[in-house]
């Protein structure tokens, strides 16, 4: 009787292990993050559809992050960053092309991207965790 119980227990455990190994994970989907529109925003850029040249795109600085952190725009687009955090942040190009200086809460900085390319930027005081990219296409 004890041997039958042990064999039964082994089969139950084996069935549980096999079930755990063969259960497919739930599918995940990716949803692009869009900028919060403001009165000055005429079009929001996404990876699938860049903002038209001459458009304005907003990036929010909040919770120690740029939102959206990565965006694609056409040449001639002006990007405006707005600091919503209570601490100062900067918007500083990795190559020195632009630098907002310190932006306090509610402070804004704008830059017009006139040349195609990939522009990486960061916040000087929080460089390790605050980085972003603007990809500019013709």
N, C-alpha and C. Protein backbone atom coordinates (compact mmCIF):
# COMPACT_ATOMS: atom_id res chain seq x y z
N UNK A 1 0.82 -1.19 0.00
CA UNK A 1 0.00 0.00 0.00
C UNK A 1 0.87 1.26 0.00
N UNK A 2 1.92 1.25 0.82
CA UNK A 2 2.82 2.40 0.91
C UNK A 2 3.54 2.60 -0.42
N UNK A 3 3.92 1.51 -1.09
CA UNK A 3 4.60 1.59 -2.39
C UNK A 3 3.67 2.17 -3.45
N UNK A 4 2.37 1.80 -3.42
CA UNK A 4 1.41 2.33 -4.38
C UNK A 4 1.23 3.83 -4.18
N UNK A 5 1.20 4.27 -2.93
CA UNK A 5 1.04 5.69 -2.64
C UNK A 5 2.26 6.46 -3.15
N UNK A 6 3.46 5.92 -2.96
CA UNK A 6 4.69 6.58 -3.42
C UNK A 6 4.71 6.68 -4.93
N UNK A 7 4.31 5.59 -5.63
CA UNK A 7 4.28 5.60 -7.09
C UNK A 7 3.25 6.62 -7.58
N UNK A 8 2.09 6.65 -6.93
CA UNK A 8 1.05 7.61 -7.28
C UNK A 8 1.56 9.04 -7.10
N UNK A 9 2.24 9.30 -6.01
CA UNK A 9 2.78 10.64 -5.72
C UNK A 9 3.80 11.03 -6.79
N UNK A 10 4.66 10.09 -7.19
CA UNK A 10 5.65 10.37 -8.23
C UNK A 10 4.96 10.71 -9.54
N UNK A 11 3.92 9.96 -9.92
CA UNK A 11 3.19 10.26 -11.15
C UNK A 11 2.52 11.63 -11.09
N UNK A 12 1.94 11.99 -9.97
CA UNK A 12 1.29 13.30 -9.82
C UNK A 12 2.33 14.40 -9.97
N UNK A 13 3.46 14.26 -9.30
CA UNK A 13 4.52 15.27 -9.41
C UNK A 13 5.05 15.37 -10.83
N UNK A 14 5.24 14.22 -11.49
CA UNK A 14 5.71 14.22 -12.86
C UNK A 14 4.70 14.92 -13.78
N UNK A 15 3.41 14.66 -13.57
CA UNK A 15 2.37 15.31 -14.37
C UNK A 15 2.39 16.82 -14.16
N UNK A 16 2.57 17.27 -12.93
CA UNK A 16 2.63 18.71 -12.65
C UNK A 16 3.85 19.35 -13.31
N UNK A 17 4.98 18.68 -13.25
CA UNK A 17 6.19 19.21 -13.88
C UNK A 17 6.01 19.30 -15.38
N UNK A 18 5.48 18.26 -15.99
CA UNK A 18 5.25 18.28 -17.43
C UNK A 18 4.25 19.35 -17.83
N UNK A 19 3.22 19.52 -17.03
CA UNK A 19 2.22 20.55 -17.33
C UNK A 19 2.85 21.94 -17.25
N UNK A 20 3.70 22.15 -16.27
CA UNK A 20 4.36 23.45 -16.12
C UNK A 20 5.32 23.72 -17.28
N UNK A 21 5.97 22.68 -17.77
CA UNK A 21 6.94 22.84 -18.86
C UNK A 21 6.27 23.06 -20.21
N UNK A 22 5.07 22.55 -20.38
CA UNK A 22 4.41 22.64 -21.69
C UNK A 22 3.40 23.76 -21.78
N UNK A 23 3.15 24.45 -20.69
CA UNK A 23 2.19 25.55 -20.73
C UNK A 23 2.83 26.73 -21.43
N UNK A 24 2.21 27.20 -22.48
CA UNK A 24 2.75 28.33 -23.24
C UNK A 24 2.53 29.61 -22.46
N UNK A 25 3.52 30.51 -22.46
CA UNK A 25 3.33 31.78 -21.79
C UNK A 25 2.29 32.62 -22.53
N UNK A 26 1.66 33.49 -21.81
CA UNK A 26 0.66 34.36 -22.42
C UNK A 26 1.36 35.25 -23.44
N UNK A 27 0.74 35.48 -24.58
CA UNK A 27 1.38 36.33 -25.59
C UNK A 27 1.48 37.76 -25.08
N UNK A 28 2.56 38.43 -25.46
CA UNK A 28 2.74 39.82 -25.07
C UNK A 28 2.61 40.68 -26.31
N UNK A 29 2.16 41.87 -26.12
CA UNK A 29 2.06 42.80 -27.23
C UNK A 29 2.81 44.05 -26.85
N UNK A 30 3.24 44.76 -27.83
CA UNK A 30 3.98 46.00 -27.62
C UNK A 30 3.12 47.14 -28.12
N UNK A 31 2.94 48.12 -27.29
CA UNK A 31 2.14 49.28 -27.66
C UNK A 31 3.05 50.49 -27.61
N UNK A 32 3.16 51.23 -28.72
CA UNK A 32 4.03 52.40 -28.70
C UNK A 32 3.51 53.46 -27.73
N UNK A 33 4.44 54.15 -27.10
CA UNK A 33 4.10 55.21 -26.16
C UNK A 33 4.12 56.52 -26.92
N UNK A 34 3.06 57.26 -26.86
CA UNK A 34 2.97 58.53 -27.57
C UNK A 34 3.12 59.68 -26.59
N UNK A 35 3.59 60.80 -27.08
CA UNK A 35 3.72 62.00 -26.26
C UNK A 35 2.33 62.52 -25.90
N UNK A 36 2.25 63.18 -24.76
CA UNK A 36 1.00 63.80 -24.37
C UNK A 36 0.82 65.08 -25.18
N UNK A 37 -0.27 65.20 -25.94
CA UNK A 37 -0.43 66.39 -26.76
C UNK A 37 -0.70 67.63 -25.90
N UNK A 38 -0.18 68.74 -26.36
CA UNK A 38 -0.44 70.03 -25.72
C UNK A 38 -0.97 70.97 -26.80
N UNK A 39 -1.29 72.18 -26.41
CA UNK A 39 -1.81 73.14 -27.37
C UNK A 39 -0.81 73.38 -28.49
N UNK A 40 0.49 73.31 -28.19
CA UNK A 40 1.51 73.57 -29.19
C UNK A 40 1.79 72.35 -30.06
N UNK A 41 1.31 71.18 -29.68
CA UNK A 41 1.60 69.97 -30.43
C UNK A 41 0.62 69.83 -31.58
N UNK A 42 1.16 69.68 -32.79
CA UNK A 42 0.29 69.48 -33.93
C UNK A 42 0.29 68.03 -34.37
N UNK A 43 1.33 67.28 -34.05
CA UNK A 43 1.38 65.88 -34.45
C UNK A 43 2.35 65.16 -33.53
N UNK A 44 2.01 63.94 -33.16
CA UNK A 44 2.86 63.13 -32.30
C UNK A 44 3.56 62.10 -33.16
N UNK A 45 4.86 61.94 -32.96
CA UNK A 45 5.63 60.99 -33.75
C UNK A 45 5.62 59.62 -33.09
N UNK A 46 5.52 58.60 -33.90
CA UNK A 46 5.68 57.23 -33.42
C UNK A 46 6.69 56.56 -34.32
N UNK A 47 7.12 55.38 -33.94
CA UNK A 47 8.08 54.66 -34.76
C UNK A 47 7.48 54.33 -36.12
N UNK A 48 6.17 54.08 -36.18
CA UNK A 48 5.53 53.70 -37.43
C UNK A 48 5.25 54.89 -38.33
N UNK A 49 4.99 56.05 -37.75
CA UNK A 49 4.61 57.22 -38.54
C UNK A 49 5.31 58.44 -37.98
N UNK A 50 6.43 58.86 -38.59
CA UNK A 50 7.13 60.03 -38.08
C UNK A 50 6.33 61.31 -38.29
N UNK A 51 6.58 62.28 -37.42
CA UNK A 51 5.92 63.58 -37.55
C UNK A 51 6.41 64.25 -38.84
N UNK A 52 5.51 64.96 -39.49
CA UNK A 52 5.86 65.65 -40.73
C UNK A 52 6.81 66.79 -40.43
N UNK A 53 7.64 67.12 -41.42
CA UNK A 53 8.56 68.24 -41.27
C UNK A 53 7.79 69.51 -40.94
N UNK A 54 8.32 70.30 -40.03
CA UNK A 54 7.66 71.53 -39.61
C UNK A 54 6.67 71.31 -38.49
N UNK A 55 6.41 70.05 -38.13
CA UNK A 55 5.49 69.74 -37.04
C UNK A 55 6.17 70.01 -35.71
N UNK A 56 5.38 69.99 -34.65
CA UNK A 56 5.91 70.13 -33.30
C UNK A 56 5.58 68.86 -32.54
N UNK A 57 6.54 68.35 -31.79
CA UNK A 57 6.37 67.14 -31.01
C UNK A 57 6.77 67.45 -29.58
N UNK A 58 6.00 66.94 -28.62
CA UNK A 58 6.28 67.17 -27.20
C UNK A 58 6.84 65.93 -26.55
N UNK A 59 7.82 66.13 -25.67
CA UNK A 59 8.36 65.06 -24.83
C UNK A 59 8.21 65.54 -23.39
N UNK A 60 7.61 64.70 -22.56
CA UNK A 60 7.43 65.01 -21.15
C UNK A 60 8.58 64.42 -20.35
N UNK A 61 9.10 65.19 -19.42
CA UNK A 61 10.11 64.69 -18.49
C UNK A 61 9.39 64.50 -17.17
N UNK A 62 9.24 63.24 -16.77
CA UNK A 62 8.48 62.95 -15.56
C UNK A 62 8.93 61.60 -15.00
N UNK A 63 8.97 61.53 -13.66
CA UNK A 63 9.40 60.30 -12.98
C UNK A 63 10.78 59.86 -13.45
N UNK A 64 11.67 60.84 -13.62
CA UNK A 64 13.05 60.58 -14.04
C UNK A 64 13.11 59.82 -15.36
N UNK A 65 12.26 60.22 -16.32
CA UNK A 65 12.26 59.57 -17.63
C UNK A 65 11.78 60.56 -18.69
N UNK A 66 12.24 60.35 -19.93
CA UNK A 66 11.73 61.08 -21.08
C UNK A 66 10.60 60.25 -21.67
N UNK A 67 9.46 60.90 -21.95
CA UNK A 67 8.29 60.17 -22.47
C UNK A 67 7.72 60.89 -23.67
N UNK A 68 7.86 60.37 -24.89
CA UNK A 68 8.50 59.09 -25.20
C UNK A 68 10.02 59.22 -25.15
N UNK A 69 10.67 58.11 -24.86
CA UNK A 69 12.12 58.10 -24.78
C UNK A 69 12.77 58.02 -26.14
N UNK A 70 12.10 57.40 -27.09
CA UNK A 70 12.62 57.26 -28.45
C UNK A 70 11.51 57.66 -29.41
N UNK A 71 11.84 58.57 -30.32
CA UNK A 71 10.83 58.97 -31.30
C UNK A 71 11.47 59.20 -32.65
N UNK A 72 10.64 59.18 -33.67
CA UNK A 72 11.08 59.38 -35.05
C UNK A 72 10.30 60.55 -35.63
N UNK A 73 11.04 61.50 -36.24
CA UNK A 73 10.41 62.69 -36.81
C UNK A 73 11.03 62.96 -38.18
N UNK A 74 10.38 63.81 -38.95
CA UNK A 74 10.91 64.26 -40.23
C UNK A 74 11.80 65.48 -40.01
N UNK A 75 12.69 65.75 -40.96
CA UNK A 75 13.52 66.95 -40.86
C UNK A 75 12.61 68.18 -40.78
N UNK A 76 13.04 69.16 -40.03
CA UNK A 76 12.26 70.39 -39.84
C UNK A 76 11.32 70.34 -38.65
N UNK A 77 11.26 69.22 -37.94
CA UNK A 77 10.36 69.08 -36.79
C UNK A 77 11.01 69.70 -35.56
N UNK A 78 10.20 70.42 -34.79
CA UNK A 78 10.65 70.98 -33.52
C UNK A 78 10.16 70.08 -32.39
N UNK A 79 11.08 69.65 -31.55
CA UNK A 79 10.75 68.84 -30.39
C UNK A 79 10.87 69.73 -29.16
N UNK A 80 9.84 69.71 -28.31
CA UNK A 80 9.84 70.49 -27.08
C UNK A 80 9.76 69.55 -25.89
N UNK A 81 10.71 69.66 -25.00
CA UNK A 81 10.74 68.87 -23.77
C UNK A 81 10.20 69.74 -22.64
N UNK A 82 9.34 69.18 -21.79
CA UNK A 82 8.79 69.90 -20.64
C UNK A 82 9.05 69.09 -19.38
N UNK A 83 9.68 69.73 -18.40
CA UNK A 83 9.98 69.06 -17.14
C UNK A 83 8.78 69.14 -16.21
N UNK A 84 8.22 67.98 -15.88
CA UNK A 84 7.09 67.90 -14.96
C UNK A 84 7.52 67.42 -13.57
N UNK A 85 8.80 67.07 -13.41
CA UNK A 85 9.32 66.64 -12.11
C UNK A 85 9.61 67.84 -11.23
N UNK A 86 9.69 67.61 -9.93
CA UNK A 86 10.01 68.69 -9.00
C UNK A 86 11.52 68.89 -8.86
N UNK A 87 12.32 68.05 -9.53
CA UNK A 87 13.78 68.22 -9.53
C UNK A 87 14.22 68.71 -10.90
N UNK A 88 15.38 69.34 -10.95
CA UNK A 88 15.90 69.87 -12.21
C UNK A 88 16.43 68.73 -13.09
N UNK A 89 16.23 68.90 -14.40
CA UNK A 89 16.73 67.97 -15.40
C UNK A 89 17.34 68.78 -16.54
N UNK A 90 18.14 68.10 -17.37
CA UNK A 90 18.64 68.71 -18.59
C UNK A 90 18.27 67.83 -19.78
N UNK A 91 18.32 68.43 -20.96
CA UNK A 91 18.19 67.70 -22.23
C UNK A 91 19.49 68.02 -22.96
N UNK A 92 20.42 67.06 -22.94
CA UNK A 92 21.78 67.32 -23.42
C UNK A 92 22.17 66.31 -24.49
N UNK A 93 22.52 66.80 -25.67
CA UNK A 93 22.94 65.94 -26.78
C UNK A 93 24.25 65.25 -26.42
N UNK A 94 24.38 63.98 -26.81
CA UNK A 94 25.63 63.25 -26.58
C UNK A 94 26.80 63.89 -27.32
N UNK A 95 26.50 64.59 -28.42
CA UNK A 95 27.56 65.20 -29.23
C UNK A 95 27.76 66.68 -28.93
N UNK A 96 26.97 67.24 -28.02
CA UNK A 96 27.08 68.66 -27.70
C UNK A 96 26.29 69.55 -28.65
N UNK A 97 25.48 68.98 -29.52
CA UNK A 97 24.70 69.76 -30.49
C UNK A 97 23.70 70.67 -29.80
N UNK A 98 23.07 70.19 -28.72
CA UNK A 98 22.13 71.03 -27.97
C UNK A 98 22.23 70.69 -26.49
N UNK A 99 21.89 71.68 -25.68
CA UNK A 99 21.89 71.51 -24.22
C UNK A 99 20.92 72.52 -23.64
N UNK A 100 19.94 72.02 -22.93
CA UNK A 100 18.90 72.90 -22.38
C UNK A 100 19.36 73.70 -21.18
N UNK A 101 20.45 73.28 -20.54
CA UNK A 101 20.75 73.81 -19.22
C UNK A 101 19.74 73.20 -18.27
N UNK A 102 19.81 73.55 -17.00
CA UNK A 102 18.89 72.95 -16.03
C UNK A 102 17.49 73.51 -16.20
N UNK A 103 16.53 72.58 -16.27
CA UNK A 103 15.12 72.96 -16.38
C UNK A 103 14.44 72.64 -15.05
N UNK A 104 13.86 73.65 -14.42
CA UNK A 104 13.08 73.43 -13.22
C UNK A 104 11.69 72.93 -13.59
N UNK A 105 10.88 72.65 -12.59
CA UNK A 105 9.52 72.16 -12.84
C UNK A 105 8.77 73.15 -13.72
N UNK A 106 8.18 72.63 -14.80
CA UNK A 106 7.46 73.47 -15.75
C UNK A 106 8.34 74.07 -16.83
N UNK A 107 9.67 73.94 -16.70
CA UNK A 107 10.58 74.50 -17.68
C UNK A 107 10.52 73.73 -19.00
N UNK A 108 10.74 74.45 -20.11
CA UNK A 108 10.70 73.82 -21.42
C UNK A 108 11.97 74.12 -22.19
N UNK A 109 12.26 73.25 -23.14
CA UNK A 109 13.39 73.43 -24.06
C UNK A 109 12.95 72.89 -25.41
N UNK A 110 13.24 73.64 -26.48
CA UNK A 110 12.87 73.22 -27.83
C UNK A 110 14.10 73.19 -28.72
N UNK A 111 14.08 72.24 -29.65
CA UNK A 111 15.15 72.15 -30.64
C UNK A 111 14.53 71.70 -31.96
N UNK A 112 14.92 72.35 -33.06
CA UNK A 112 14.43 71.99 -34.38
C UNK A 112 15.49 71.14 -35.08
N UNK A 113 15.08 69.95 -35.50
CA UNK A 113 15.99 69.01 -36.14
C UNK A 113 15.94 69.22 -37.65
N UNK A 114 17.00 69.83 -38.21
CA UNK A 114 17.04 70.19 -39.63
C UNK A 114 17.83 69.22 -40.49
N UNK A 115 18.44 68.21 -39.88
CA UNK A 115 19.27 67.28 -40.63
C UNK A 115 18.93 65.85 -40.21
N UNK A 116 18.81 64.95 -41.20
CA UNK A 116 18.52 63.55 -40.90
C UNK A 116 19.65 62.93 -40.10
N UNK A 117 19.30 62.02 -39.22
CA UNK A 117 20.30 61.33 -38.41
C UNK A 117 19.67 60.81 -37.14
N UNK A 118 20.49 60.20 -36.31
CA UNK A 118 20.05 59.69 -35.02
C UNK A 118 20.73 60.54 -33.94
N UNK A 119 19.92 61.16 -33.11
CA UNK A 119 20.41 62.07 -32.08
C UNK A 119 20.10 61.48 -30.71
N UNK A 120 21.13 61.13 -29.99
CA UNK A 120 20.95 60.61 -28.64
C UNK A 120 21.17 61.73 -27.64
N UNK A 121 20.44 61.68 -26.55
CA UNK A 121 20.54 62.72 -25.53
C UNK A 121 20.32 62.11 -24.15
N UNK A 122 20.59 62.90 -23.13
CA UNK A 122 20.50 62.43 -21.75
C UNK A 122 20.29 63.60 -20.81
N UNK A 123 20.05 63.30 -19.55
CA UNK A 123 19.97 64.30 -18.49
C UNK A 123 21.31 64.25 -17.74
N UNK A 124 22.00 65.37 -17.63
CA UNK A 124 23.32 65.38 -17.00
C UNK A 124 23.27 64.84 -15.56
N UNK A 125 22.39 65.33 -14.67
CA UNK A 125 22.43 64.82 -13.30
C UNK A 125 21.98 63.36 -13.17
N UNK A 126 21.21 62.86 -14.13
CA UNK A 126 20.63 61.52 -14.01
C UNK A 126 20.98 60.66 -15.22
N UNK A 127 22.18 60.83 -15.74
CA UNK A 127 22.61 60.20 -17.00
C UNK A 127 22.41 58.68 -17.01
N UNK A 128 22.65 58.02 -15.89
CA UNK A 128 22.59 56.56 -15.87
C UNK A 128 21.20 56.03 -16.22
N UNK A 129 20.16 56.78 -15.88
CA UNK A 129 18.82 56.25 -16.13
C UNK A 129 17.95 57.12 -17.02
N UNK A 130 18.42 58.28 -17.43
CA UNK A 130 17.61 59.17 -18.27
C UNK A 130 18.30 59.41 -19.60
N UNK A 131 17.89 58.65 -20.61
CA UNK A 131 18.45 58.76 -21.94
C UNK A 131 17.33 58.68 -22.97
N UNK A 132 17.54 59.28 -24.11
CA UNK A 132 16.53 59.24 -25.16
C UNK A 132 17.17 59.34 -26.54
N UNK A 133 16.34 59.11 -27.56
CA UNK A 133 16.82 59.16 -28.95
C UNK A 133 15.78 59.83 -29.82
N UNK A 134 16.22 60.71 -30.69
CA UNK A 134 15.38 61.28 -31.73
C UNK A 134 15.98 60.83 -33.06
N UNK A 135 15.20 60.08 -33.84
CA UNK A 135 15.63 59.66 -35.16
C UNK A 135 14.96 60.60 -36.17
N UNK A 136 15.76 61.26 -36.98
CA UNK A 136 15.25 62.24 -37.94
C UNK A 136 15.41 61.66 -39.33
N UNK A 137 14.31 61.63 -40.10
CA UNK A 137 14.33 61.11 -41.47
C UNK A 137 13.97 62.22 -42.44
N UNK A 138 14.37 62.06 -43.70
CA UNK A 138 14.04 63.06 -44.74
C UNK A 138 12.61 62.93 -45.18
